[in-house]
Amino acid sequence: MNTTTGGLGWMYDTDLPLVNLTFARQINAQELLERMGVDHNTVAVRGPNDFRNELGGLLYADDGYVVSAGHYRSWAWAWEHGSWKGIQDQGMVLRASIGTAALELHASEKPGEVFRYAEDGRLITGLDTTNSFARTGSDPHRFDTEMQALGARPEEDEYGPLGSLGMFYRLAENLGVGVPLDDLNNRPVLSGRLLPPASR
């Protein structure tokens, strides 16, 4: 892990074609998966071999909804492998945040990323660079000071030396989140399949 960044340090210099991450503070990974709408019959602690054997064929299928989940400090994390439930289901981060705080990060090969931060069932700050820079939420300027400290002026299409995705990673790290690379790839963690969004 890159110690000059933080809990997402390994992600900065990694070419990830798809990033779909949901975090929730002070709940466990099982509870986060339940709030995200997991198929209970598919949830288990799996090591890398069992994960590949049982779920590998669905990893990057649009309707696979494969997810891994674990913990980093006071946050639970959930990584969607290839599907887009967090984008398709706008209420997911809100449900994850009930009684606490939650965060979603999304990025793909298409230009643009999404950062959504919620507290107790309400969207506080939504930042979206997929078209032009857009803000939503009850406090859309909540992270302006942090963005400015990173050299970013999003309304002017200036995201500083980290770029827009790196800026979102750093904002997330400032909240205390992380995903240990060994947990994602080498250690047994919870995994399963999310239920498709109701609209599908």
Protein backbone atom coordinates (compact mmCIF):
# COMPACT_ATOMS: atom_id res chain seq x y z
CA MET A 1 0.00 0.00 0.00
CA ASN A 2 1.25 3.45 -0.88
CA THR A 3 1.88 5.06 2.51
CA THR A 4 2.01 8.55 1.00
CA THR A 5 -1.71 8.39 0.32
CA GLY A 6 -3.82 6.19 2.58
CA GLY A 7 -6.43 3.50 2.55
CA LEU A 8 -6.88 3.64 -1.23
CA GLY A 9 -3.17 4.10 -1.94
CA TRP A 10 -2.77 1.08 -4.21
CA MET A 11 -5.57 2.34 -6.47
CA TYR A 12 -3.93 5.61 -7.53
CA ASP A 13 -1.48 4.07 -9.99
CA THR A 14 -3.60 1.06 -10.95
CA ASP A 15 -5.48 0.95 -14.24
CA LEU A 16 -8.92 -0.12 -13.03
CA PRO A 17 -11.48 -0.28 -15.84
CA LEU A 18 -14.36 -0.25 -13.39
CA VAL A 19 -14.63 1.11 -9.84
CA ASN A 20 -17.88 0.63 -7.93
CA LEU A 21 -17.29 1.05 -4.21
CA THR A 22 -19.70 1.60 -1.34
CA PHE A 23 -18.56 2.38 2.20
CA ALA A 24 -20.46 2.75 5.48
CA ARG A 25 -19.07 3.89 8.81
CA GLN A 26 -19.37 1.93 12.07
CA ILE A 27 -21.38 -0.99 10.71
CA ASN A 28 -20.03 -4.40 9.76
CA ALA A 29 -19.62 -5.77 6.25
CA GLN A 30 -22.62 -8.11 6.60
CA GLU A 31 -24.87 -5.17 7.50
CA LEU A 32 -23.54 -3.13 4.58
CA LEU A 33 -24.33 -5.96 2.16
CA GLU A 34 -27.84 -6.26 3.61
CA ARG A 35 -28.42 -2.53 3.17
CA MET A 36 -27.19 -2.81 -0.42
CA GLY A 37 -29.72 -5.57 -1.09
CA VAL A 38 -27.75 -8.81 -1.15
CA ASP A 39 -29.16 -12.24 -1.96
CA HIS A 40 -28.74 -13.86 1.47
CA ASN A 41 -28.44 -17.31 -0.08
CA THR A 42 -25.21 -16.29 -1.81
CA VAL A 43 -23.35 -14.68 1.11
CA ALA A 44 -20.36 -16.54 2.52
CA VAL A 45 -16.79 -15.98 3.63
CA ARG A 46 -14.74 -17.15 0.64
CA GLY A 47 -11.04 -17.39 0.06
CA PRO A 48 -9.65 -16.61 -3.40
CA ASN A 49 -10.06 -20.16 -4.77
CA ASP A 50 -13.65 -20.59 -3.60
CA PHE A 51 -14.48 -17.10 -4.83
CA ARG A 52 -13.19 -17.88 -8.33
CA ASN A 53 -14.81 -21.31 -8.41
CA GLU A 54 -18.23 -20.19 -7.21
CA LEU A 55 -18.54 -16.66 -8.59
CA GLY A 56 -15.76 -16.26 -11.15
CA GLY A 57 -17.99 -16.81 -14.17
CA LEU A 58 -20.19 -13.89 -13.11
CA LEU A 59 -17.47 -11.41 -12.19
CA TYR A 60 -17.77 -9.05 -15.11
CA ALA A 61 -21.26 -9.88 -16.34
CA ASP A 62 -23.64 -6.92 -16.33
CA ASP A 63 -26.22 -9.01 -14.49
CA GLY A 64 -23.72 -10.79 -12.25
CA TYR A 65 -23.88 -8.35 -9.33
CA VAL A 66 -20.94 -10.05 -7.62
CA VAL A 67 -19.71 -8.16 -4.57
CA SER A 68 -16.92 -8.56 -2.01
CA ALA A 69 -17.00 -6.84 1.38
CA GLY A 70 -14.72 -6.26 4.33
CA HIS A 71 -13.49 -3.68 6.82
CA TYR A 72 -10.95 -0.90 7.01
CA ARG A 73 -10.66 0.90 10.34
CA SER A 74 -14.16 2.12 11.27
CA TRP A 75 -15.61 1.65 7.78
CA ALA A 76 -17.09 -1.35 5.99
CA TRP A 77 -16.38 -1.51 2.26
CA ALA A 78 -18.12 -3.31 -0.60
CA TRP A 79 -16.61 -3.72 -4.07
CA GLU A 80 -18.92 -4.47 -7.00
CA HIS A 81 -17.19 -6.64 -9.59
CA GLY A 82 -18.46 -5.51 -12.96
CA SER A 83 -22.04 -4.41 -12.30
CA TRP A 84 -23.53 -1.01 -11.64
CA LYS A 85 -26.06 -1.36 -8.85
CA GLY A 86 -24.73 1.70 -7.05
CA ILE A 87 -25.39 3.82 -10.14
CA GLN A 88 -28.62 2.08 -11.15
CA ASP A 89 -30.10 2.25 -7.64
CA GLN A 90 -29.83 5.87 -6.52
CA GLY A 91 -31.21 5.02 -3.09
CA MET A 92 -28.53 2.47 -2.21
CA VAL A 93 -26.08 4.90 -0.64
CA LEU A 94 -28.95 6.51 1.26
CA ARG A 95 -29.99 3.15 2.75
CA ALA A 96 -26.36 2.38 3.57
CA SER A 97 -26.12 5.65 5.49
CA ILE A 98 -29.13 5.21 7.82
CA GLY A 99 -27.93 5.95 11.34
CA THR A 100 -24.39 6.57 10.10
CA ALA A 101 -22.49 7.90 7.07
CA ALA A 102 -21.95 6.25 3.70
CA LEU A 103 -20.00 6.97 0.55
CA GLU A 104 -20.08 5.75 -3.04
CA LEU A 105 -17.29 6.02 -5.62
CA HIS A 106 -17.85 5.13 -9.27
CA ALA A 107 -15.57 5.27 -12.30
CA SER A 108 -15.37 3.47 -15.63
CA GLU A 109 -13.46 3.62 -18.90
CA LYS A 110 -15.88 6.31 -20.03
CA PRO A 111 -14.80 9.79 -18.95
CA GLY A 112 -16.10 10.89 -15.62
CA GLU A 113 -16.52 9.74 -12.05
CA VAL A 114 -19.14 9.98 -9.30
CA PHE A 115 -18.63 10.72 -5.59
CA ARG A 116 -21.71 10.58 -3.35
CA TYR A 117 -21.62 11.15 0.40
CA ALA A 118 -24.71 10.61 2.59
CA GLU A 119 -25.59 10.80 6.27
CA ASP A 120 -28.58 9.23 8.01
CA GLY A 121 -30.52 8.54 4.83
CA ARG A 122 -29.89 11.93 3.16
CA LEU A 123 -27.55 12.82 0.34
CA ILE A 124 -25.19 15.49 1.66
CA THR A 125 -22.83 15.91 -1.29
CA GLY A 126 -22.94 14.50 -4.79
CA LEU A 127 -20.10 15.32 -7.21
CA ASP A 128 -20.31 14.05 -10.78
CA THR A 129 -17.84 14.61 -13.61
CA THR A 130 -19.47 12.33 -16.21
CA ASN A 131 -20.76 15.17 -18.40
CA SER A 132 -19.85 18.56 -17.04
CA PHE A 133 -19.10 18.98 -13.36
CA ALA A 134 -22.38 18.68 -11.43
CA ARG A 135 -23.22 19.05 -7.76
CA THR A 136 -26.20 17.68 -5.82
CA GLY A 137 -27.18 17.17 -2.20
CA SER A 138 -28.14 19.32 0.76
CA ASP A 139 -24.56 20.63 1.13
CA PRO A 140 -23.04 20.38 -2.36
CA HIS A 141 -20.02 22.52 -1.41
CA ARG A 142 -19.11 20.49 1.70
CA PHE A 143 -15.72 19.38 0.32
CA ASP A 144 -14.69 22.60 -1.43
CA THR A 145 -11.90 23.41 1.03
CA GLU A 146 -10.38 19.94 0.57
CA MET A 147 -10.66 20.17 -3.23
CA GLN A 148 -9.00 23.58 -3.26
CA ALA A 149 -6.19 22.23 -1.06
CA LEU A 150 -5.61 19.57 -3.75
CA GLY A 151 -5.31 22.26 -6.43
CA ALA A 152 -8.73 21.53 -7.90
CA ARG A 153 -11.21 24.03 -9.32
CA PRO A 154 -13.86 21.68 -10.76
CA GLU A 155 -16.14 24.38 -12.20
CA GLU A 156 -13.17 25.41 -14.35
CA ASP A 157 -12.42 21.79 -15.34
CA GLU A 158 -9.25 21.88 -13.26
CA TYR A 159 -8.77 18.87 -11.01
CA GLY A 160 -5.21 19.41 -9.84
CA PRO A 161 -2.26 17.02 -10.12
CA LEU A 162 -4.29 13.97 -9.04
CA GLY A 163 -6.94 14.37 -11.75
CA SER A 164 -10.64 14.03 -11.03
CA LEU A 165 -10.52 10.36 -9.96
CA GLY A 166 -7.47 10.91 -7.76
CA MET A 167 -9.22 13.91 -6.22
CA PHE A 168 -12.23 11.75 -5.36
CA TYR A 169 -9.95 9.05 -3.91
CA ARG A 170 -8.30 11.64 -1.69
CA LEU A 171 -11.63 13.11 -0.54
CA ALA A 172 -12.72 9.59 0.37
CA GLU A 173 -9.48 8.86 2.23
CA ASN A 174 -9.90 12.08 4.18
CA LEU A 175 -13.10 10.55 5.55
CA GLY A 176 -11.11 7.50 6.70
CA VAL A 177 -12.11 4.86 4.12
CA GLY A 178 -9.90 2.23 2.55
CA VAL A 179 -9.80 -1.12 0.80
CA PRO A 180 -6.85 -3.39 1.70
CA LEU A 181 -5.58 -4.92 -1.54
CA ASP A 182 -4.81 -8.23 0.20
CA ASP A 183 -8.41 -8.40 1.43
CA LEU A 184 -9.68 -7.88 -2.09
CA ASN A 185 -7.36 -10.42 -3.71
CA ASN A 186 -5.80 -12.82 -1.21
CA ARG A 187 -7.62 -13.10 2.11
CA PRO A 188 -11.02 -14.68 2.82
CA VAL A 189 -13.74 -12.02 2.97
CA LEU A 190 -17.51 -11.92 2.64
CA SER A 191 -18.81 -12.17 -0.90
CA GLY A 192 -22.04 -12.87 -2.70
CA ARG A 193 -24.44 -11.46 -5.26
CA LEU A 194 -26.52 -8.33 -4.95
CA LEU A 195 -30.14 -8.50 -6.00
CA PRO A 196 -30.74 -6.57 -9.25
CA PRO A 197 -32.33 -3.12 -8.91
CA ALA A 198 -36.11 -3.27 -8.85
CA SER A 199 -36.36 -1.55 -12.22
CA ARG A 200 -34.47 -4.33 -14.02
